[in-house]
Protein backbone atom coordinates (compact mmCIF):
# COMPACT_ATOMS: atom_id res chain seq x y z
CA ILE A 1 107.02 105.97 69.82
CA SER A 2 107.67 109.03 67.66
CA HIS A 3 104.28 110.51 68.69
CA VAL A 4 105.14 110.17 72.39
CA TYR A 5 108.58 111.68 71.77
CA ASP A 6 107.02 114.62 69.90
CA PHE A 7 104.46 115.16 72.68
CA VAL A 8 107.14 115.21 75.38
CA LYS A 9 109.37 117.48 73.29
CA ASP A 10 106.50 119.91 72.54
CA ASN A 11 105.37 120.06 76.19
CA GLN A 12 108.66 120.22 78.07
CA GLN A 13 107.62 123.00 80.45
CA MET A 14 104.33 121.33 81.38
CA LEU A 15 106.09 117.99 81.88
CA SER A 16 109.13 119.40 83.70
CA GLN A 17 108.32 117.35 86.82
CA THR A 18 107.17 114.25 84.96
CA THR A 19 109.15 111.13 84.19
CA VAL A 20 108.05 109.08 81.20
CA HIS A 21 108.79 105.35 81.04
CA MET A 22 108.17 103.34 77.88
CA PHE A 23 107.40 99.63 78.11
CA TYR A 24 107.18 97.09 75.35
CA GLU A 25 105.04 93.98 75.47
CA LYS A 26 106.49 91.52 77.88
CA GLN A 27 104.92 88.87 80.06
CA HIS A 28 105.15 89.48 83.81
CA LYS A 29 103.93 86.56 85.88
CA THR A 30 103.55 86.02 89.56
CA GLU A 31 104.60 82.76 91.15
CA HIS A 32 101.06 81.52 90.48
CA GLY A 33 101.35 82.18 86.75
CA GLN A 34 98.90 85.10 86.69
CA HIS A 35 99.65 88.29 84.79
CA TYR A 36 99.76 91.56 86.72
CA PRO A 37 101.40 94.18 84.47
CA HIS A 38 99.92 97.02 86.54
CA ASN A 39 101.98 95.89 89.55
CA TYR A 40 105.12 95.92 87.42
CA LEU A 41 104.30 99.42 86.12
CA ARG A 42 103.52 100.75 89.62
CA ASN A 43 106.70 99.27 91.09
CA THR A 44 108.82 100.67 88.26
CA ALA A 45 107.35 104.12 88.82
CA LEU A 46 108.03 103.86 92.57
CA ASN A 47 111.62 102.72 91.96
CA PHE A 48 112.30 105.83 89.88
CA THR A 49 110.55 108.28 92.21
CA ASP A 50 112.82 110.94 93.63
CA THR A 51 110.32 112.59 95.99
CA GLU A 52 109.79 112.21 99.70
CA TYR A 53 106.17 111.12 99.44
CA VAL A 54 104.04 109.39 96.81
CA VAL A 55 100.29 109.38 96.29
CA ILE A 56 99.06 106.49 94.16
CA VAL A 57 95.64 106.94 92.60
CA ASP A 58 93.53 104.88 90.24
CA MET A 59 92.97 106.28 86.78
CA ASP A 60 89.33 106.99 87.60
CA PHE A 61 90.19 108.93 90.77
CA MET A 62 90.28 112.71 90.57
CA THR A 63 91.58 114.84 93.41
CA ASN A 64 90.14 118.24 94.19
CA LYS A 65 91.95 121.45 93.19
CA GLY A 66 93.48 121.96 96.63
CA ALA A 67 94.60 118.39 97.30
CA HIS A 68 98.33 118.97 96.73
CA ASP A 69 98.47 122.08 98.93
CA GLY A 70 96.25 120.43 101.53
CA LEU A 71 98.46 117.34 101.78
CA LYS A 72 101.61 119.49 102.00
CA LYS A 73 100.04 121.55 104.80
CA LEU A 74 98.89 118.41 106.64
CA ILE A 75 102.39 116.92 106.52
CA ALA A 76 103.96 120.21 107.63
CA THR A 77 101.58 120.80 110.56
CA ASP A 78 100.67 117.34 111.88
CA GLU A 79 103.61 115.61 113.55
CA GLN A 80 101.80 112.26 113.80
CA VAL A 81 101.05 112.25 110.06
CA LYS A 82 104.65 113.25 109.23
CA TRP A 83 106.07 110.58 111.55
CA SER A 84 103.77 107.94 110.04
CA LEU A 85 104.75 108.81 106.48
CA ASP A 86 108.45 109.00 107.35
CA ASN A 87 108.15 105.50 108.85
CA ARG A 88 106.50 104.07 105.74
CA VAL A 89 103.03 103.78 107.22
CA LEU A 90 100.39 103.47 104.52
CA MET A 91 97.72 106.14 104.61
CA VAL A 92 94.46 105.77 102.73
CA LEU A 93 92.77 108.92 101.47
CA PRO A 94 88.97 108.96 101.69
CA ALA A 95 87.16 108.96 98.36
CA PHE A 96 83.92 110.76 97.64
CA GLU A 97 81.52 110.41 94.78
CA TYR A 98 79.56 113.38 93.48
CA THR A 99 75.98 112.70 92.56
CA ARG A 100 73.15 115.00 91.60
CA PHE A 101 72.12 114.90 95.27
CA GLY A 102 75.52 116.00 96.57
CA LYS A 103 78.57 114.04 97.57
CA LYS A 104 78.64 110.74 99.40
CA LYS A 105 81.56 108.95 101.00
CA LEU A 106 82.51 105.69 99.29
CA GLY A 107 83.37 102.58 101.23
CA LYS A 108 82.96 102.25 104.98
């Protein structure tokens, strides 16, 4: 814990818009008895979010350099997108994989 505290203390400016939550080992079970700690962590993060919009990404997903500005511009200029987000409509961002032959779209 002291290492995390020192890291946060030493990087306050970089982490100025970051909230850090610490969890200790605890069993979280669904009604079927299965463990899903990632759901608990995601829901805790969402409960403490104080922004208008949230983008949830897997740890192996990397956005491009302009993703933040592009999403802000899309929300500001596209009324249908803004309405959908304001009405809690889920939007899925397309994912691409870079290969030595160029990029290819993943999924359908």
